[in-house]
C-alpha atoms as a PDB file:
ATOM      1  CA  UNK A   1     120.194 219.490 108.483  1.00  0.00           C
ATOM      2  CA  UNK A   2     119.063 216.063 107.299  1.00  0.00           C
ATOM      3  CA  UNK A   3     118.409 217.594 103.850  1.00  0.00           C
ATOM      4  CA  UNK A   4     122.015 218.971 103.821  1.00  0.00           C
ATOM      5  CA  UNK A   5     123.460 215.712 104.605  1.00  0.00           C
ATOM      6  CA  UNK A   6     120.993 213.710 102.063  1.00  0.00           C
ATOM      7  CA  UNK A   7     122.300 216.258  99.453  1.00  0.00           C
ATOM      8  CA  UNK A   8     125.542 215.890 100.061  1.00  0.00           C
ATOM      9  CA  UNK A   9     125.500 212.140  99.781  1.00  0.00           C
ATOM     10  CA  UNK A  10     123.299 212.328  96.422  1.00  0.00           C
ATOM     11  CA  UNK A  11     125.729 214.572  94.929  1.00  0.00           C
ATOM     12  CA  UNK A  12     128.436 212.224  95.865  1.00  0.00           C
ATOM     13  CA  UNK A  13     127.051 209.110  94.370  1.00  0.00           C
ATOM     14  CA  UNK A  14     126.249 211.226  91.169  1.00  0.00           C
ATOM     15  CA  UNK A  15     129.900 211.556  90.534  1.00  0.00           C
ATOM     16  CA  UNK A  16     131.026 208.436  88.733  1.00  0.00           C
ATOM     17  CA  UNK A  17     133.757 207.167  91.027  1.00  0.00           C
ATOM     18  CA  UNK A  18     134.982 204.449  89.041  1.00  0.00           C
ATOM     19  CA  UNK A  19     138.172 202.522  90.150  1.00  0.00           C
ATOM     20  CA  UNK A  20     140.363 201.624  87.182  1.00  0.00           C
ATOM     21  CA  UNK A  21     142.109 198.798  88.609  1.00  0.00           C
ATOM     22  CA  UNK A  22     143.234 196.919  91.812  1.00  0.00           C
ATOM     23  CA  UNK A  23     146.378 199.087  92.236  1.00  0.00           C
ATOM     24  CA  UNK A  24     144.068 202.041  92.795  1.00  0.00           C
ATOM     25  CA  UNK A  25     142.137 200.458  95.277  1.00  0.00           C
ATOM     26  CA  UNK A  26     145.335 199.410  96.974  1.00  0.00           C
ATOM     27  CA  UNK A  27     146.811 202.815  96.769  1.00  0.00           C
ATOM     28  CA  UNK A  28     143.588 204.127  98.653  1.00  0.00           C
ATOM     29  CA  UNK A  29     143.920 201.358 101.119  1.00  0.00           C
ATOM     30  CA  UNK A  30     147.687 202.426 101.701  1.00  0.00           C
ATOM     31  CA  UNK A  31     146.830 205.664 102.213  1.00  0.00           C
ATOM     32  CA  UNK A  32     143.809 205.173 104.662  1.00  0.00           C
ATOM     33  CA  UNK A  33     146.048 203.101 106.482  1.00  0.00           C
ATOM     34  CA  UNK A  34     148.798 204.906 107.061  1.00  0.00           C
ATOM     35  CA  UNK A  35     146.598 207.967 108.245  1.00  0.00           C
ATOM     36  CA  UNK A  36     144.845 205.647 110.653  1.00  0.00           C
ATOM     37  CA  UNK A  37     148.335 204.577 111.745  1.00  0.00           C
ATOM     38  CA  UNK A  38     149.225 208.204 112.215  1.00  0.00           C
ATOM     39  CA  UNK A  39     146.313 209.286 114.145  1.00  0.00           C
ATOM     40  CA  UNK A  40     146.481 206.045 116.445  1.00  0.00           C
ATOM     41  CA  UNK A  41     150.215 207.089 117.270  1.00  0.00           C
ATOM     42  CA  UNK A  42     148.969 210.766 118.028  1.00  0.00           C
ATOM     43  CA  UNK A  43     145.867 209.802 119.951  1.00  0.00           C
ATOM     44  CA  UNK A  44     148.520 207.335 122.045  1.00  0.00           C
ATOM     45  CA  UNK A  45     150.788 210.163 123.050  1.00  0.00           C
ATOM     46  CA  UNK A  46     147.707 212.448 123.737  1.00  0.00           C
ATOM     47  CA  UNK A  47     146.214 209.661 126.123  1.00  0.00           C
ATOM     48  CA  UNK A  48     149.596 209.651 127.779  1.00  0.00           C
ATOM     49  CA  UNK A  49     149.263 213.107 128.271  1.00  0.00           C
ATOM     50  CA  UNK A  50     145.649 213.013 129.473  1.00  0.00           C
ATOM     51  CA  UNK A  51     146.531 210.377 132.262  1.00  0.00           C
ATOM     52  CA  UNK A  52     149.821 212.220 133.505  1.00  0.00           C
ATOM     53  CA  UNK A  53     147.149 215.209 134.013  1.00  0.00           C
ATOM     54  CA  UNK A  54     145.557 213.057 136.543  1.00  0.00           C
ATOM     55  CA  UNK A  55     148.718 212.081 138.401  1.00  0.00           C
ATOM     56  CA  UNK A  56     149.823 212.477 142.001  1.00  0.00           C
ATOM     57  CA  UNK A  57     153.175 212.833 143.273  1.00  0.00           C
ATOM     58  CA  UNK A  58     154.522 211.727 146.696  1.00  0.00           C
ATOM     59  CA  UNK A  59     157.648 212.882 148.070  1.00  0.00           C
ATOM     60  CA  UNK A  60     159.588 209.976 149.097  1.00  0.00           C
ATOM     61  CA  UNK A  61     162.875 211.910 150.489  1.00  0.00           C
ATOM     62  CA  UNK A  62     164.393 214.895 149.824  1.00  0.00           C
ATOM     63  CA  UNK A  63     165.905 213.453 146.387  1.00  0.00           C
ATOM     64  CA  UNK A  64     163.053 211.052 145.341  1.00  0.00           C
ATOM     65  CA  UNK A  65     159.606 212.043 144.280  1.00  0.00           C
ATOM     66  CA  UNK A  66     157.449 209.281 142.808  1.00  0.00           C
ATOM     67  CA  UNK A  67     154.414 209.669 140.587  1.00  0.00           C
ATOM     68  CA  UNK A  68     150.989 207.930 141.159  1.00  0.00           C
ATOM     69  CA  UNK A  69     148.083 207.395 138.867  1.00  0.00           C
ATOM     70  CA  UNK A  70     144.755 206.796 139.740  1.00  0.00           C
ATOM     71  CA  UNK A  71     144.047 202.835 139.957  1.00  0.00           C
ATOM     72  CA  UNK A  72     141.163 203.471 137.362  1.00  0.00           C
ATOM     73  CA  UNK A  73     143.674 204.887 134.733  1.00  0.00           C
ATOM     74  CA  UNK A  74     146.236 202.007 134.967  1.00  0.00           C
ATOM     75  CA  UNK A  75     144.329 199.724 132.508  1.00  0.00           C
ATOM     76  CA  UNK A  76     143.858 202.578 129.817  1.00  0.00           C
ATOM     77  CA  UNK A  77     147.621 203.455 130.377  1.00  0.00           C
ATOM     78  CA  UNK A  78     148.290 200.010 129.776  1.00  0.00           C
ATOM     79  CA  UNK A  79     146.361 199.696 126.520  1.00  0.00           C
ATOM     80  CA  UNK A  80     147.666 202.923 125.091  1.00  0.00           C
ATOM     81  CA  UNK A  81     151.160 201.846 125.768  1.00  0.00           C
ATOM     82  CA  UNK A  82     150.485 198.460 124.113  1.00  0.00           C
ATOM     83  CA  UNK A  83     148.906 199.856 121.281  1.00  0.00           C
ATOM     84  CA  UNK A  84     152.078 202.031 120.784  1.00  0.00           C
ATOM     85  CA  UNK A  85     154.194 199.128 121.207  1.00  0.00           C
ATOM     86  CA  UNK A  86     152.032 196.948 118.842  1.00  0.00           C
ATOM     87  CA  UNK A  87     152.331 199.918 116.379  1.00  0.00           C
ATOM     88  CA  UNK A  88     156.221 199.773 116.147  1.00  0.00           C
ATOM     89  CA  UNK A  89     156.007 195.639 116.196  1.00  0.00           C
ATOM     90  CA  UNK A  90     153.739 196.292 113.001  1.00  0.00           C
ATOM     91  CA  UNK A  91     156.547 198.071 111.259  1.00  0.00           C
ATOM     92  CA  UNK A  92     159.249 195.817 112.244  1.00  0.00           C
ATOM     93  CA  UNK A  93     157.231 192.703 111.050  1.00  0.00           C
ATOM     94  CA  UNK A  94     156.118 194.615 107.844  1.00  0.00           C
ATOM     95  CA  UNK A  95     159.521 195.393 106.988  1.00  0.00           C
ATOM     96  CA  UNK A  96     160.788 191.822 107.676  1.00  0.00           C
ATOM     97  CA  UNK A  97     158.028 190.428 105.642  1.00  0.00           C
ATOM     98  CA  UNK A  98     158.378 192.915 102.695  1.00  0.00           C
ATOM     99  CA  UNK A  99     162.074 192.854 102.603  1.00  0.00           C
ATOM    100  CA  UNK A 100     162.290 189.001 102.579  1.00  0.00           C
ATOM    101  CA  UNK A 101     159.858 189.071  99.599  1.00  0.00           C
ATOM    102  CA  UNK A 102     161.723 191.549  97.766  1.00  0.00           C
ATOM    103  CA  UNK A 103     164.946 189.687  98.044  1.00  0.00           C
ATOM    104  CA  UNK A 104     163.000 186.362  97.022  1.00  0.00           C
ATOM    105  CA  UNK A 105     162.110 188.129  93.784  1.00  0.00           C
ATOM    106  CA  UNK A 106     165.557 189.611  93.203  1.00  0.00           C
ATOM    107  CA  UNK A 107     167.139 186.214  93.692  1.00  0.00           C
ATOM    108  CA  UNK A 108     164.714 184.663  91.179  1.00  0.00           C
ATOM    109  CA  UNK A 109     164.669 187.589  89.055  1.00  0.00           C
ATOM    110  CA  UNK A 110     161.043 187.814  88.844  1.00  0.00           C
ATOM    111  CA  UNK A 111     161.151 191.503  89.236  1.00  0.00           C
ATOM    112  CA  UNK A 112     158.691 192.227  86.024  1.00  0.00           C
ATOM    113  CA  UNK A 113     156.399 189.307  86.751  1.00  0.00           C
ATOM    114  CA  UNK A 114     156.054 189.706  90.452  1.00  0.00           C
ATOM    115  CA  UNK A 115     152.566 190.059  90.586  1.00  0.00           C
ATOM    116  CA  UNK A 116     150.813 186.976  92.542  1.00  0.00           C
ATOM    117  CA  UNK A 117     154.041 185.341  92.714  1.00  0.00           C
ATOM    118  CA  UNK A 118     154.430 185.661  96.824  1.00  0.00           C
ATOM    119  CA  UNK A 119     152.033 184.028  99.394  1.00  0.00           C
ATOM    120  CA  UNK A 120     148.840 185.770  99.515  1.00  0.00           C
ATOM    121  CA  UNK A 121     149.063 184.915 103.331  1.00  0.00           C
ATOM    122  CA  UNK A 122     152.151 187.787 103.902  1.00  0.00           C
ATOM    123  CA  UNK A 123     149.923 190.620 104.846  1.00  0.00           C
ATOM    124  CA  UNK A 124     148.059 188.623 107.510  1.00  0.00           C
ATOM    125  CA  UNK A 125     150.404 189.052 110.301  1.00  0.00           C
ATOM    126  CA  UNK A 126     150.599 192.908 109.469  1.00  0.00           C
ATOM    127  CA  UNK A 127     146.858 193.388 109.297  1.00  0.00           C
ATOM    128  CA  UNK A 128     146.098 191.504 112.543  1.00  0.00           C
ATOM    129  CA  UNK A 129     148.788 193.840 114.268  1.00  0.00           C
ATOM    130  CA  UNK A 130     147.161 197.023 112.612  1.00  0.00           C
ATOM    131  CA  UNK A 131     143.682 196.117 114.252  1.00  0.00           C
ATOM    132  CA  UNK A 132     145.185 194.925 117.139  1.00  0.00           C
ATOM    133  CA  UNK A 133     146.690 198.293 117.772  1.00  0.00           C
ATOM    134  CA  UNK A 134     143.532 200.156 116.448  1.00  0.00           C
ATOM    135  CA  UNK A 135     141.204 198.091 119.344  1.00  0.00           C
ATOM    136  CA  UNK A 136     143.569 198.421 122.116  1.00  0.00           C
ATOM    137  CA  UNK A 137     143.485 202.098 121.468  1.00  0.00           C
ATOM    138  CA  UNK A 138     139.711 202.253 121.480  1.00  0.00           C
ATOM    139  CA  UNK A 139     139.039 200.563 124.634  1.00  0.00           C
ATOM    140  CA  UNK A 140     141.779 202.770 126.331  1.00  0.00           C
ATOM    141  CA  UNK A 141     140.138 205.761 125.379  1.00  0.00           C
ATOM    142  CA  UNK A 142     136.716 204.417 126.377  1.00  0.00           C
ATOM    143  CA  UNK A 143     138.285 203.852 129.794  1.00  0.00           C
ATOM    144  CA  UNK A 144     139.868 207.182 130.034  1.00  0.00           C
ATOM    145  CA  UNK A 145     136.118 208.653 128.895  1.00  0.00           C
ATOM    146  CA  UNK A 146     134.459 206.525 131.843  1.00  0.00           C
ATOM    147  CA  UNK A 147     137.049 207.519 134.427  1.00  0.00           C
ATOM    148  CA  UNK A 148     136.650 211.478 133.181  1.00  0.00           C
ATOM    149  CA  UNK A 149     132.944 211.147 133.302  1.00  0.00           C
ATOM    150  CA  UNK A 150     132.960 209.761 136.980  1.00  0.00           C
ATOM    151  CA  UNK A 151     135.557 211.749 138.438  1.00  0.00           C
ATOM    152  CA  UNK A 152     134.858 215.250 136.826  1.00  0.00           C
ATOM    153  CA  UNK A 153     131.883 217.533 138.263  1.00  0.00           C
ATOM    154  CA  UNK A 154     130.196 219.182 135.138  1.00  0.00           C
ATOM    155  CA  UNK A 155     128.049 222.029 135.892  1.00  0.00           C
END
């Protein structure tokens, strides 16, 4: 097994993967972060589904029924919902930042010479929100795994 892994890495490193310029690196970064956000979002919905599996229902009256989740799943549910909310907020803020930047470049007729004309700090809030949503989802799933490990019997 280790030999197979070693040969794969050796083959991968032999190929000259030379990145031509910074735009190629940026394209790879964008592709990766979009995929990570998509997977994070899908994990969020799956996490809510997992938590829903462990719910209990209580009949309050003939017309009302309330659902209760175990107390140990309240924190993971909160973290997952928080992560999904941050995901939305990240896209709203990114849209605002890049929309304002585009409008500034448009008004100042800097379309062709736009490289380096905007603040290098513009993407910082977007990156912070990206990592915040990833970390929140990670901790939510860690707590779900701990709950499952402690509450499900394995033979």
